[in-house]
Amino acid sequence: MSGRNQSDIKVGTLVQVVRKQDQRTGKLTEGIVKDILTKSSTHPHGIKVRLTNGIVGRVKKILSER
């Protein structure tokens, strides 16, 4: 599942995000959502979230819900 719809993402969801500095390479970082930062219900590049380890990025894949 892609991370373009905020309704698909909840706090505690396991996701893969792309960080700002990794956008050119497309390197994905895996983690658990702590905060949802995007205010709109959808975003073409992915919903921006903060992971439990402090990393901020846009959701590219939703792996599983907790």
N, C-alpha and C. Protein backbone atom coordinates (compact mmCIF):
# COMPACT_ATOMS: atom_id res chain seq x y z
N MET A 1 0.84 -1.17 0.00
CA MET A 1 0.00 0.00 0.00
C MET A 1 0.89 1.24 0.00
N SER A 2 0.55 2.23 -0.82
CA SER A 2 1.34 3.45 -0.86
C SER A 2 0.95 4.36 0.30
N GLY A 3 1.75 5.36 0.55
CA GLY A 3 1.50 6.24 1.69
C GLY A 3 0.95 7.59 1.30
N ARG A 4 0.09 7.64 0.29
CA ARG A 4 -0.44 8.92 -0.19
C ARG A 4 -1.71 9.37 0.51
N ASN A 5 -2.40 8.45 1.19
CA ASN A 5 -3.65 8.79 1.89
C ASN A 5 -3.43 8.74 3.39
N GLN A 6 -3.74 9.84 4.05
CA GLN A 6 -3.54 9.91 5.49
C GLN A 6 -4.42 8.91 6.23
N SER A 7 -5.58 8.59 5.65
CA SER A 7 -6.49 7.65 6.32
C SER A 7 -5.91 6.24 6.45
N ASP A 8 -4.90 5.91 5.62
CA ASP A 8 -4.27 4.59 5.66
C ASP A 8 -3.17 4.50 6.73
N ILE A 9 -2.77 5.64 7.29
CA ILE A 9 -1.63 5.68 8.20
C ILE A 9 -2.11 6.06 9.60
N LYS A 10 -1.73 5.25 10.57
CA LYS A 10 -2.09 5.51 11.96
C LYS A 10 -0.80 5.50 12.79
N VAL A 11 -0.85 6.12 13.95
CA VAL A 11 0.27 6.05 14.88
C VAL A 11 0.47 4.59 15.25
N GLY A 12 1.72 4.11 15.19
CA GLY A 12 2.02 2.72 15.48
C GLY A 12 2.12 1.84 14.24
N THR A 13 1.87 2.40 13.06
CA THR A 13 1.96 1.64 11.81
C THR A 13 3.42 1.48 11.40
N LEU A 14 3.79 0.30 10.94
CA LEU A 14 5.13 0.03 10.44
C LEU A 14 5.18 0.46 8.97
N VAL A 15 6.10 1.39 8.65
CA VAL A 15 6.17 1.96 7.31
C VAL A 15 7.62 2.05 6.82
N GLN A 16 7.76 2.33 5.53
CA GLN A 16 9.05 2.68 4.94
C GLN A 16 8.93 4.11 4.43
N VAL A 17 9.87 4.96 4.83
CA VAL A 17 9.86 6.36 4.42
C VAL A 17 11.12 6.70 3.65
N VAL A 18 11.04 7.77 2.85
CA VAL A 18 12.23 8.32 2.20
C VAL A 18 12.51 9.65 2.89
N ARG A 19 13.73 9.81 3.40
CA ARG A 19 14.12 11.05 4.05
C ARG A 19 14.47 12.09 2.99
N LYS A 20 14.46 13.36 3.35
CA LYS A 20 14.73 14.45 2.41
C LYS A 20 16.08 14.25 1.72
N GLN A 21 17.12 13.91 2.47
CA GLN A 21 18.45 13.74 1.90
C GLN A 21 18.58 12.47 1.06
N ASP A 22 17.61 11.56 1.15
CA ASP A 22 17.65 10.31 0.38
C ASP A 22 16.72 10.33 -0.83
N GLN A 23 16.09 11.47 -1.12
CA GLN A 23 15.13 11.52 -2.22
C GLN A 23 15.77 11.21 -3.57
N ARG A 24 16.99 11.66 -3.79
CA ARG A 24 17.66 11.39 -5.08
C ARG A 24 17.95 9.91 -5.27
N THR A 25 18.39 9.24 -4.20
CA THR A 25 18.74 7.82 -4.31
C THR A 25 17.53 6.92 -4.13
N GLY A 26 16.51 7.41 -3.44
CA GLY A 26 15.33 6.60 -3.18
C GLY A 26 15.50 5.60 -2.05
N LYS A 27 16.57 5.78 -1.24
CA LYS A 27 16.83 4.88 -0.12
C LYS A 27 15.69 4.98 0.89
N LEU A 28 15.15 3.82 1.29
CA LEU A 28 14.03 3.77 2.23
C LEU A 28 14.51 3.44 3.63
N THR A 29 13.86 4.03 4.61
CA THR A 29 14.14 3.78 6.02
C THR A 29 12.88 3.23 6.66
N GLU A 30 13.02 2.15 7.39
CA GLU A 30 11.86 1.49 8.01
C GLU A 30 11.70 1.95 9.45
N GLY A 31 10.46 2.10 9.88
CA GLY A 31 10.22 2.48 11.26
C GLY A 31 8.73 2.51 11.59
N ILE A 32 8.45 2.87 12.83
CA ILE A 32 7.07 2.92 13.33
C ILE A 32 6.66 4.38 13.47
N VAL A 33 5.47 4.71 12.97
CA VAL A 33 4.98 6.08 12.99
C VAL A 33 4.72 6.55 14.41
N LYS A 34 5.29 7.71 14.75
CA LYS A 34 5.04 8.35 16.05
C LYS A 34 4.07 9.51 15.88
N ASP A 35 4.30 10.36 14.84
CA ASP A 35 3.46 11.53 14.59
C ASP A 35 3.20 11.64 13.09
N ILE A 36 2.01 12.12 12.73
CA ILE A 36 1.69 12.43 11.34
C ILE A 36 1.82 13.94 11.19
N LEU A 37 2.69 14.38 10.26
CA LEU A 37 3.00 15.80 10.14
C LEU A 37 2.23 16.51 9.02
N THR A 38 1.80 15.78 7.99
CA THR A 38 1.04 16.38 6.90
C THR A 38 -0.37 16.68 7.37
N LYS A 39 -0.84 17.89 7.09
CA LYS A 39 -2.17 18.30 7.53
C LYS A 39 -3.27 17.86 6.56
N SER A 40 -2.95 17.80 5.24
CA SER A 40 -3.98 17.44 4.25
C SER A 40 -4.24 15.93 4.26
N SER A 41 -5.37 15.53 3.71
CA SER A 41 -5.75 14.12 3.72
C SER A 41 -4.97 13.29 2.71
N THR A 42 -4.44 13.93 1.65
CA THR A 42 -3.62 13.23 0.66
C THR A 42 -2.44 14.10 0.28
N HIS A 43 -1.38 13.46 -0.24
CA HIS A 43 -0.22 14.18 -0.76
C HIS A 43 0.39 13.32 -1.85
N PRO A 44 0.69 13.92 -3.03
CA PRO A 44 1.19 13.13 -4.16
C PRO A 44 2.54 12.46 -3.93
N HIS A 45 3.37 13.02 -3.02
CA HIS A 45 4.69 12.44 -2.76
C HIS A 45 4.72 11.59 -1.49
N GLY A 46 3.59 11.45 -0.83
CA GLY A 46 3.51 10.67 0.40
C GLY A 46 3.27 11.54 1.61
N ILE A 47 2.61 11.00 2.59
CA ILE A 47 2.31 11.71 3.84
C ILE A 47 3.59 11.81 4.66
N LYS A 48 3.88 13.01 5.17
CA LYS A 48 5.09 13.20 5.98
C LYS A 48 4.81 12.78 7.41
N VAL A 49 5.71 11.95 7.96
CA VAL A 49 5.57 11.44 9.32
C VAL A 49 6.89 11.53 10.07
N ARG A 50 6.79 11.46 11.41
CA ARG A 50 7.97 11.32 12.26
C ARG A 50 7.92 9.91 12.83
N LEU A 51 9.03 9.20 12.73
CA LEU A 51 9.11 7.84 13.27
C LEU A 51 9.50 7.88 14.74
N THR A 52 9.37 6.75 15.41
CA THR A 52 9.69 6.69 16.85
C THR A 52 11.16 6.98 17.12
N ASN A 53 12.04 6.76 16.13
CA ASN A 53 13.46 7.05 16.32
C ASN A 53 13.82 8.48 15.94
N GLY A 54 12.81 9.33 15.62
CA GLY A 54 13.04 10.74 15.33
C GLY A 54 13.21 11.10 13.87
N ILE A 55 13.32 10.10 13.00
CA ILE A 55 13.49 10.35 11.57
C ILE A 55 12.19 10.88 10.98
N VAL A 56 12.31 11.93 10.14
CA VAL A 56 11.17 12.51 9.44
C VAL A 56 11.29 12.19 7.97
N GLY A 57 10.21 11.73 7.37
CA GLY A 57 10.22 11.42 5.94
C GLY A 57 8.82 11.21 5.41
N ARG A 58 8.75 11.01 4.10
CA ARG A 58 7.46 10.78 3.45
C ARG A 58 7.24 9.28 3.26
N VAL A 59 6.05 8.82 3.61
CA VAL A 59 5.73 7.39 3.55
C VAL A 59 5.68 6.93 2.09
N LYS A 60 6.44 5.87 1.78
CA LYS A 60 6.43 5.27 0.46
C LYS A 60 5.73 3.92 0.47
N LYS A 61 5.82 3.19 1.59
CA LYS A 61 5.17 1.88 1.71
C LYS A 61 4.64 1.70 3.12
N ILE A 62 3.45 1.15 3.21
CA ILE A 62 2.88 0.76 4.49
C ILE A 62 3.07 -0.75 4.61
N LEU A 63 3.82 -1.17 5.64
CA LEU A 63 4.15 -2.58 5.78
C LEU A 63 3.12 -3.33 6.60
N SER A 64 2.73 -2.79 7.75
CA SER A 64 1.71 -3.44 8.57
C SER A 64 1.22 -2.47 9.62
N GLU A 65 0.00 -2.73 10.10
CA GLU A 65 -0.56 -1.93 11.19
C GLU A 65 -0.32 -2.63 12.49
N ARG A 66 -0.15 -1.88 13.54
CA ARG A 66 0.07 -2.46 14.86
C ARG A 66 -1.22 -2.53 15.61
